[in-house]
Amino acid sequence: MTTDEGFLNFAEPELARDGLEESTMFGFRCVRLNGDFVAMASHPAGGMVVKLPASRVTELISDGTGSPVAPSGRTFREWVNVTDESLWNGLFDEALAFASA
């Protein structure tokens, strides 16, 4: 299964929630809430990239749960890559809450 397939299998049922839509970011498929980025498949690292408050991203990176997202060498403070699929549901919900704030 490719990274996209794993993420899209996860995201497909989530898209039934109000305001969520499939879109693209950097040419990759992603999920947006009312137009705001929430999550996407991670390339090439594998996993899922979610947008969370910078403090939460720092926490996830510090404890080894996630890794920084740095396309073109620029680290995004509010984005984290998580490869452990067992954590995706909870982090996706956190990302939705952050996008809704």
C-alpha atoms as a PDB file:
ATOM      1  CA  MET A   1       0.000   0.000   0.000  1.00  0.00           C
ATOM      2  CA  THR A   2       1.359   3.453  -0.864  1.00  0.00           C
ATOM      3  CA  THR A   3       1.491   6.343   1.595  1.00  0.00           C
ATOM      4  CA  ASP A   4      -1.407   7.981  -0.239  1.00  0.00           C
ATOM      5  CA  GLU A   5      -3.500   4.808  -0.104  1.00  0.00           C
ATOM      6  CA  GLY A   6      -2.979   4.357   3.641  1.00  0.00           C
ATOM      7  CA  PHE A   7      -3.849   7.972   4.350  1.00  0.00           C
ATOM      8  CA  LEU A   8      -6.841   7.995   1.989  1.00  0.00           C
ATOM      9  CA  ASN A   9      -8.186   4.763   3.508  1.00  0.00           C
ATOM     10  CA  PHE A  10      -7.999   6.521   6.873  1.00  0.00           C
ATOM     11  CA  ALA A  11      -9.407   9.837   5.626  1.00  0.00           C
ATOM     12  CA  GLU A  12     -12.273   8.554   3.453  1.00  0.00           C
ATOM     13  CA  PRO A  13     -14.769   7.922   6.285  1.00  0.00           C
ATOM     14  CA  GLU A  14     -13.668  11.169   7.964  1.00  0.00           C
ATOM     15  CA  LEU A  15     -14.755  13.128   4.882  1.00  0.00           C
ATOM     16  CA  ALA A  16     -18.388  12.468   5.850  1.00  0.00           C
ATOM     17  CA  ARG A  17     -18.016  15.023   8.666  1.00  0.00           C
ATOM     18  CA  ASP A  18     -19.509  18.475   8.041  1.00  0.00           C
ATOM     19  CA  GLY A  19     -17.139  20.936   6.454  1.00  0.00           C
ATOM     20  CA  LEU A  20     -14.469  18.388   5.503  1.00  0.00           C
ATOM     21  CA  GLU A  21     -13.359  18.039   1.918  1.00  0.00           C
ATOM     22  CA  GLU A  22     -10.623  16.330  -0.025  1.00  0.00           C
ATOM     23  CA  SER A  23      -8.262  18.800  -1.649  1.00  0.00           C
ATOM     24  CA  THR A  24      -4.589  19.124  -2.582  1.00  0.00           C
ATOM     25  CA  MET A  25      -1.570  20.783  -1.016  1.00  0.00           C
ATOM     26  CA  PHE A  26       1.879  20.821  -2.631  1.00  0.00           C
ATOM     27  CA  GLY A  27       0.335  18.565  -5.280  1.00  0.00           C
ATOM     28  CA  PHE A  28      -0.643  15.897  -2.730  1.00  0.00           C
ATOM     29  CA  ARG A  29      -4.111  14.939  -1.577  1.00  0.00           C
ATOM     30  CA  CYS A  30      -5.132  16.406   1.745  1.00  0.00           C
ATOM     31  CA  VAL A  31      -8.138  17.053   3.974  1.00  0.00           C
ATOM     32  CA  ARG A  32      -9.382  20.567   4.638  1.00  0.00           C
ATOM     33  CA  LEU A  33     -11.994  21.882   7.062  1.00  0.00           C
ATOM     34  CA  ASN A  34     -13.888  24.799   5.566  1.00  0.00           C
ATOM     35  CA  GLY A  35     -10.863  25.453   3.374  1.00  0.00           C
ATOM     36  CA  ASP A  36      -8.224  25.218   6.147  1.00  0.00           C
ATOM     37  CA  PHE A  37      -5.555  22.511   5.999  1.00  0.00           C
ATOM     38  CA  VAL A  38      -6.031  19.668   8.507  1.00  0.00           C
ATOM     39  CA  ALA A  39      -4.005  16.654   7.328  1.00  0.00           C
ATOM     40  CA  MET A  40      -2.300  14.959   4.398  1.00  0.00           C
ATOM     41  CA  ALA A  41      -0.204  11.943   3.565  1.00  0.00           C
ATOM     42  CA  SER A  42       3.480  12.495   4.270  1.00  0.00           C
ATOM     43  CA  HIS A  43       5.936  12.282   1.393  1.00  0.00           C
ATOM     44  CA  PRO A  44       8.462  10.719   1.297  1.00  0.00           C
ATOM     45  CA  ALA A  45       8.629   9.863   5.014  1.00  0.00           C
ATOM     46  CA  GLY A  46       5.326   8.011   5.150  1.00  0.00           C
ATOM     47  CA  GLY A  47       2.710   8.694   7.779  1.00  0.00           C
ATOM     48  CA  MET A  48       0.272  11.536   8.184  1.00  0.00           C
ATOM     49  CA  VAL A  49       1.051  15.239   8.476  1.00  0.00           C
ATOM     50  CA  VAL A  50      -1.344  17.149  10.740  1.00  0.00           C
ATOM     51  CA  LYS A  51      -1.580  20.822  11.608  1.00  0.00           C
ATOM     52  CA  LEU A  52      -1.597  21.457  15.364  1.00  0.00           C
ATOM     53  CA  PRO A  53      -0.620  24.296  17.700  1.00  0.00           C
ATOM     54  CA  ALA A  54       3.159  24.878  17.677  1.00  0.00           C
ATOM     55  CA  SER A  55       3.433  23.869  21.355  1.00  0.00           C
ATOM     56  CA  ARG A  56       1.761  20.520  20.644  1.00  0.00           C
ATOM     57  CA  VAL A  57       4.005  19.934  17.618  1.00  0.00           C
ATOM     58  CA  THR A  58       7.065  20.610  19.788  1.00  0.00           C
ATOM     59  CA  GLU A  59       5.760  18.138  22.389  1.00  0.00           C
ATOM     60  CA  LEU A  60       5.177  15.392  19.804  1.00  0.00           C
ATOM     61  CA  ILE A  61       8.620  15.882  18.296  1.00  0.00           C
ATOM     62  CA  SER A  62      10.325  16.030  21.707  1.00  0.00           C
ATOM     63  CA  ASP A  63       8.784  12.769  22.910  1.00  0.00           C
ATOM     64  CA  GLY A  64       9.594  10.983  19.637  1.00  0.00           C
ATOM     65  CA  THR A  65       5.983  10.573  18.543  1.00  0.00           C
ATOM     66  CA  GLY A  66       6.384  12.805  15.511  1.00  0.00           C
ATOM     67  CA  SER A  67       8.968  14.348  13.254  1.00  0.00           C
ATOM     68  CA  PRO A  68       9.305  17.865  11.863  1.00  0.00           C
ATOM     69  CA  VAL A  69       7.853  18.787   8.489  1.00  0.00           C
ATOM     70  CA  ALA A  70      10.344  20.792   6.432  1.00  0.00           C
ATOM     71  CA  PRO A  71       9.493  20.959   2.736  1.00  0.00           C
ATOM     72  CA  SER A  72      12.265  22.716   0.832  1.00  0.00           C
ATOM     73  CA  GLY A  73      14.270  22.963   4.060  1.00  0.00           C
ATOM     74  CA  ARG A  74      11.867  25.302   5.881  1.00  0.00           C
ATOM     75  CA  THR A  75      10.458  23.767   9.080  1.00  0.00           C
ATOM     76  CA  PHE A  76       6.741  24.374   9.593  1.00  0.00           C
ATOM     77  CA  ARG A  77       6.103  25.139  13.281  1.00  0.00           C
ATOM     78  CA  GLU A  78       2.485  23.947  13.255  1.00  0.00           C
ATOM     79  CA  TRP A  79       2.893  20.759  11.221  1.00  0.00           C
ATOM     80  CA  VAL A  80       4.072  17.366  12.422  1.00  0.00           C
ATOM     81  CA  ASN A  81       4.492  14.004  10.693  1.00  0.00           C
ATOM     82  CA  VAL A  82       3.291  10.940  12.600  1.00  0.00           C
ATOM     83  CA  THR A  83       3.941   7.444  11.246  1.00  0.00           C
ATOM     84  CA  ASP A  84       2.192   5.456  14.003  1.00  0.00           C
ATOM     85  CA  GLU A  85      -1.261   4.863  12.502  1.00  0.00           C
ATOM     86  CA  SER A  86      -2.695   3.977  15.915  1.00  0.00           C
ATOM     87  CA  LEU A  87      -2.352   7.676  16.836  1.00  0.00           C
ATOM     88  CA  TRP A  88      -3.937   9.103  13.693  1.00  0.00           C
ATOM     89  CA  ASN A  89      -7.552   9.223  14.950  1.00  0.00           C
ATOM     90  CA  GLY A  90      -6.739  11.240  18.056  1.00  0.00           C
ATOM     91  CA  LEU A  91      -4.346  13.582  16.266  1.00  0.00           C
ATOM     92  CA  PHE A  92      -6.804  14.077  13.407  1.00  0.00           C
ATOM     93  CA  ASP A  93      -9.443  15.109  15.957  1.00  0.00           C
ATOM     94  CA  GLU A  94      -6.950  17.513  17.560  1.00  0.00           C
ATOM     95  CA  ALA A  95      -6.211  18.984  14.118  1.00  0.00           C
ATOM     96  CA  LEU A  96      -9.936  19.449  13.480  1.00  0.00           C
ATOM     97  CA  ALA A  97     -10.329  21.264  16.797  1.00  0.00           C
ATOM     98  CA  PHE A  98      -7.337  23.481  15.968  1.00  0.00           C
ATOM     99  CA  ALA A  99      -8.725  24.301  12.513  1.00  0.00           C
ATOM    100  CA  SER A 100     -12.101  25.097  14.076  1.00  0.00           C
ATOM    101  CA  ALA A 101     -10.665  27.534  16.654  1.00  0.00           C
END
